[in-house]
């Protein structure tokens, strides 16, 4: 489960992937140019969670997409106050 953005407090995208590094590279390279992340130039990984079970990740993603923005922001800032790009620690 991931959150990506283009800047601090910018547009947020929430999704999940079974290969996080590959998926973030796809977002950055706009492999799918008509997607939400490509339109808003979302290229900074600011939050992620690992799940063993795909179904649990999907449930978490669906729940988080319904959250208020303040809840998402608080979750990100608990571990990444400055909204740094976390891609290099993967």
N, C-alpha and C. Protein backbone atom coordinates (compact mmCIF):
# COMPACT_ATOMS: atom_id res chain seq x y z
N UNK A 1 0.85 -1.15 0.00
CA UNK A 1 0.00 0.00 0.00
C UNK A 1 0.90 1.22 0.00
N UNK A 2 0.62 2.18 -0.86
CA UNK A 2 1.48 3.34 -1.01
C UNK A 2 0.68 4.63 -1.11
N UNK A 3 1.36 5.71 -0.81
CA UNK A 3 0.87 7.05 -1.11
C UNK A 3 1.95 7.77 -1.87
N UNK A 4 1.57 8.36 -3.00
CA UNK A 4 2.52 9.17 -3.76
C UNK A 4 1.92 10.55 -3.96
N UNK A 5 2.80 11.52 -4.18
CA UNK A 5 2.39 12.91 -4.35
C UNK A 5 3.39 13.60 -5.26
N UNK A 6 3.17 14.88 -5.49
CA UNK A 6 4.11 15.67 -6.28
C UNK A 6 4.83 16.72 -5.44
N UNK A 7 4.30 17.02 -4.26
CA UNK A 7 4.91 18.01 -3.37
C UNK A 7 4.28 17.89 -1.99
N UNK A 8 4.86 18.57 -1.02
CA UNK A 8 4.30 18.55 0.34
C UNK A 8 2.86 19.05 0.27
N UNK A 9 1.97 18.29 0.89
CA UNK A 9 0.54 18.59 0.93
C UNK A 9 -0.09 18.73 -0.45
N UNK A 10 0.50 18.08 -1.45
CA UNK A 10 -0.05 18.11 -2.80
C UNK A 10 -1.10 17.03 -2.98
N UNK A 11 -1.45 16.81 -4.21
CA UNK A 11 -2.41 15.77 -4.58
C UNK A 11 -1.87 14.42 -4.11
N UNK A 12 -2.74 13.58 -3.57
CA UNK A 12 -2.34 12.26 -3.10
C UNK A 12 -2.96 11.16 -3.94
N UNK A 13 -2.17 10.15 -4.19
CA UNK A 13 -2.65 8.93 -4.85
C UNK A 13 -2.37 7.78 -3.90
N UNK A 14 -3.34 6.92 -3.72
CA UNK A 14 -3.19 5.74 -2.88
C UNK A 14 -3.41 4.52 -3.74
N UNK A 15 -2.51 3.55 -3.60
CA UNK A 15 -2.63 2.33 -4.37
C UNK A 15 -1.81 1.22 -3.75
N UNK A 16 -1.82 0.06 -4.39
CA UNK A 16 -0.97 -1.03 -3.91
C UNK A 16 -0.43 -1.80 -5.10
N UNK A 17 0.68 -2.49 -4.84
CA UNK A 17 1.35 -3.23 -5.89
C UNK A 17 2.10 -4.40 -5.27
N UNK A 18 2.31 -5.45 -6.03
CA UNK A 18 3.11 -6.56 -5.53
C UNK A 18 4.59 -6.35 -5.81
N UNK A 19 4.93 -5.26 -6.51
CA UNK A 19 6.33 -4.90 -6.78
C UNK A 19 6.43 -3.38 -6.70
N UNK A 20 6.66 -2.88 -5.50
CA UNK A 20 6.60 -1.45 -5.24
C UNK A 20 7.63 -0.66 -6.04
N UNK A 21 8.86 -1.12 -6.08
CA UNK A 21 9.89 -0.39 -6.84
C UNK A 21 9.50 -0.26 -8.32
N UNK A 22 9.08 -1.37 -8.90
CA UNK A 22 8.68 -1.35 -10.31
C UNK A 22 7.52 -0.38 -10.53
N UNK A 23 6.55 -0.42 -9.64
CA UNK A 23 5.36 0.42 -9.81
C UNK A 23 5.68 1.90 -9.66
N UNK A 24 6.54 2.26 -8.72
CA UNK A 24 6.92 3.66 -8.56
C UNK A 24 7.68 4.14 -9.79
N UNK A 25 8.55 3.29 -10.33
CA UNK A 25 9.25 3.65 -11.56
C UNK A 25 8.26 3.89 -12.70
N UNK A 26 7.22 3.08 -12.76
CA UNK A 26 6.20 3.27 -13.79
C UNK A 26 5.50 4.62 -13.61
N UNK A 27 5.17 4.95 -12.38
CA UNK A 27 4.54 6.26 -12.12
C UNK A 27 5.47 7.38 -12.57
N UNK A 28 6.73 7.29 -12.20
CA UNK A 28 7.70 8.34 -12.53
C UNK A 28 7.92 8.48 -14.02
N UNK A 29 7.92 7.39 -14.72
CA UNK A 29 8.14 7.41 -16.17
C UNK A 29 6.86 7.57 -16.97
N UNK A 30 5.74 7.71 -16.28
CA UNK A 30 4.43 7.88 -16.91
C UNK A 30 4.17 6.82 -17.98
N UNK A 31 4.45 5.57 -17.59
CA UNK A 31 4.24 4.43 -18.49
C UNK A 31 2.79 4.37 -18.96
N UNK A 32 1.89 4.77 -18.09
CA UNK A 32 0.47 4.83 -18.43
C UNK A 32 0.06 6.31 -18.40
N UNK A 33 0.23 7.03 -19.50
CA UNK A 33 0.10 8.49 -19.51
C UNK A 33 -1.30 9.04 -19.23
N UNK A 34 -2.31 8.23 -19.31
CA UNK A 34 -3.67 8.74 -19.08
C UNK A 34 -4.17 8.49 -17.67
N UNK A 35 -3.31 8.03 -16.79
CA UNK A 35 -3.73 7.72 -15.43
C UNK A 35 -3.71 8.98 -14.55
N UNK A 36 -4.36 8.86 -13.41
CA UNK A 36 -4.42 9.95 -12.43
C UNK A 36 -3.03 10.41 -12.04
N UNK A 37 -2.14 9.46 -11.74
CA UNK A 37 -0.79 9.83 -11.28
C UNK A 37 0.01 10.54 -12.38
N UNK A 38 -0.19 10.17 -13.62
CA UNK A 38 0.52 10.83 -14.72
C UNK A 38 -0.02 12.24 -14.95
N UNK A 39 -1.33 12.40 -14.91
CA UNK A 39 -1.94 13.72 -15.13
C UNK A 39 -1.47 14.74 -14.10
N UNK A 40 -1.29 14.29 -12.85
CA UNK A 40 -0.89 15.20 -11.78
C UNK A 40 0.60 15.13 -11.46
N UNK A 41 1.37 14.43 -12.27
CA UNK A 41 2.82 14.32 -12.10
C UNK A 41 3.19 13.83 -10.70
N UNK A 42 2.54 12.79 -10.25
CA UNK A 42 2.78 12.24 -8.91
C UNK A 42 3.97 11.30 -8.99
N UNK A 43 5.06 11.68 -8.37
CA UNK A 43 6.29 10.91 -8.52
C UNK A 43 7.08 10.74 -7.21
N UNK A 44 6.56 11.21 -6.11
CA UNK A 44 7.26 11.14 -4.84
C UNK A 44 6.56 10.14 -3.91
N UNK A 45 7.26 9.09 -3.54
CA UNK A 45 6.73 8.10 -2.61
C UNK A 45 6.88 8.66 -1.19
N UNK A 46 5.76 8.92 -0.53
CA UNK A 46 5.82 9.54 0.80
C UNK A 46 5.37 8.61 1.92
N UNK A 47 4.78 7.49 1.55
CA UNK A 47 4.30 6.55 2.57
C UNK A 47 4.14 5.18 1.94
N UNK A 48 4.46 4.14 2.70
CA UNK A 48 4.16 2.79 2.23
C UNK A 48 4.03 1.85 3.42
N UNK A 49 3.29 0.79 3.20
CA UNK A 49 3.11 -0.30 4.15
C UNK A 49 3.30 -1.60 3.38
N UNK A 50 3.88 -2.58 4.05
CA UNK A 50 4.01 -3.91 3.45
C UNK A 50 2.95 -4.84 4.03
N UNK A 51 2.43 -5.69 3.16
CA UNK A 51 1.47 -6.71 3.56
C UNK A 51 1.92 -8.05 2.98
N UNK A 52 1.75 -9.09 3.74
CA UNK A 52 2.04 -10.44 3.26
C UNK A 52 0.90 -10.90 2.35
N UNK A 53 -0.29 -10.52 2.71
CA UNK A 53 -1.50 -11.00 2.06
C UNK A 53 -2.07 -9.93 1.13
N UNK A 54 -2.26 -10.27 -0.13
CA UNK A 54 -2.79 -9.33 -1.13
C UNK A 54 -4.17 -8.81 -0.75
N UNK A 55 -5.00 -9.68 -0.23
CA UNK A 55 -6.36 -9.28 0.13
C UNK A 55 -6.36 -8.24 1.23
N UNK A 56 -5.46 -8.38 2.20
CA UNK A 56 -5.36 -7.39 3.28
C UNK A 56 -4.91 -6.04 2.73
N UNK A 57 -3.99 -6.05 1.79
CA UNK A 57 -3.53 -4.81 1.17
C UNK A 57 -4.67 -4.12 0.43
N UNK A 58 -5.46 -4.88 -0.29
CA UNK A 58 -6.58 -4.33 -1.03
C UNK A 58 -7.63 -3.73 -0.08
N UNK A 59 -7.90 -4.42 1.00
CA UNK A 59 -8.85 -3.90 2.00
C UNK A 59 -8.33 -2.58 2.57
N UNK A 60 -7.05 -2.53 2.92
CA UNK A 60 -6.45 -1.31 3.47
C UNK A 60 -6.52 -0.17 2.45
N UNK A 61 -6.21 -0.47 1.21
CA UNK A 61 -6.27 0.56 0.16
C UNK A 61 -7.68 1.13 0.05
N UNK A 62 -8.68 0.27 -0.02
CA UNK A 62 -10.06 0.73 -0.17
C UNK A 62 -10.50 1.56 1.02
N UNK A 63 -10.09 1.16 2.22
CA UNK A 63 -10.43 1.94 3.42
C UNK A 63 -9.79 3.32 3.38
N UNK A 64 -8.50 3.34 3.06
CA UNK A 64 -7.78 4.62 3.06
C UNK A 64 -8.30 5.57 2.00
N UNK A 65 -8.76 5.07 0.89
CA UNK A 65 -9.30 5.93 -0.15
C UNK A 65 -10.57 6.64 0.32
N UNK A 66 -11.23 6.11 1.32
CA UNK A 66 -12.44 6.73 1.87
C UNK A 66 -12.12 7.72 3.00
N UNK A 67 -10.89 7.72 3.46
CA UNK A 67 -10.50 8.59 4.58
C UNK A 67 -10.57 10.06 4.18
N UNK A 68 -10.74 10.90 5.21
CA UNK A 68 -10.60 12.34 5.03
C UNK A 68 -9.14 12.66 4.77
N UNK A 69 -8.90 13.73 4.06
CA UNK A 69 -7.53 14.13 3.75
C UNK A 69 -6.70 14.31 5.01
N UNK A 70 -7.27 14.90 6.06
CA UNK A 70 -6.51 15.12 7.30
C UNK A 70 -5.99 13.81 7.88
N UNK A 71 -6.77 12.75 7.77
CA UNK A 71 -6.34 11.44 8.30
C UNK A 71 -5.15 10.92 7.50
N UNK A 72 -5.22 11.07 6.17
CA UNK A 72 -4.13 10.61 5.31
C UNK A 72 -2.86 11.41 5.60
N UNK A 73 -3.02 12.73 5.72
CA UNK A 73 -1.88 13.59 6.02
C UNK A 73 -1.25 13.23 7.36
N UNK A 74 -2.07 12.99 8.36
CA UNK A 74 -1.56 12.62 9.69
C UNK A 74 -0.78 11.30 9.62
N UNK A 75 -1.30 10.34 8.89
CA UNK A 75 -0.62 9.06 8.76
C UNK A 75 0.75 9.24 8.10
N UNK A 76 0.81 10.01 7.05
CA UNK A 76 2.09 10.27 6.37
C UNK A 76 3.05 10.96 7.33
N UNK A 77 2.58 11.99 8.01
CA UNK A 77 3.47 12.80 8.84
C UNK A 77 3.91 12.09 10.13
N UNK A 78 3.22 11.04 10.52
CA UNK A 78 3.68 10.25 11.68
C UNK A 78 5.06 9.65 11.42
N UNK A 79 5.33 9.27 10.18
CA UNK A 79 6.61 8.64 9.87
C UNK A 79 7.46 9.45 8.89
N UNK A 80 6.88 10.48 8.27
CA UNK A 80 7.59 11.24 7.25
C UNK A 80 7.15 12.70 7.31
N UNK A 81 7.51 13.36 8.38
CA UNK A 81 7.05 14.72 8.64
C UNK A 81 7.36 15.69 7.51
N UNK A 82 8.50 15.52 6.86
CA UNK A 82 8.92 16.45 5.81
C UNK A 82 8.49 16.00 4.41
N UNK A 83 7.73 14.93 4.33
CA UNK A 83 7.23 14.40 3.06
C UNK A 83 8.38 14.10 2.10
N UNK A 84 9.46 13.54 2.62
CA UNK A 84 10.61 13.18 1.79
C UNK A 84 10.26 12.01 0.88
N UNK A 85 10.93 11.93 -0.25
CA UNK A 85 10.75 10.82 -1.17
C UNK A 85 11.43 9.58 -0.55
N UNK A 86 10.67 8.55 -0.34
CA UNK A 86 11.16 7.33 0.33
C UNK A 86 11.63 6.25 -0.64
N UNK A 87 11.63 6.53 -1.91
CA UNK A 87 11.96 5.51 -2.91
C UNK A 87 13.33 4.88 -2.65
N UNK A 88 14.31 5.65 -2.29
CA UNK A 88 15.67 5.13 -2.13
C UNK A 88 15.84 4.19 -0.95
N UNK A 89 14.88 4.15 -0.04
CA UNK A 89 15.03 3.22 1.09
C UNK A 89 14.36 1.87 0.81
N UNK A 90 13.75 1.74 -0.34
CA UNK A 90 13.11 0.45 -0.69
C UNK A 90 14.14 -0.62 -0.92
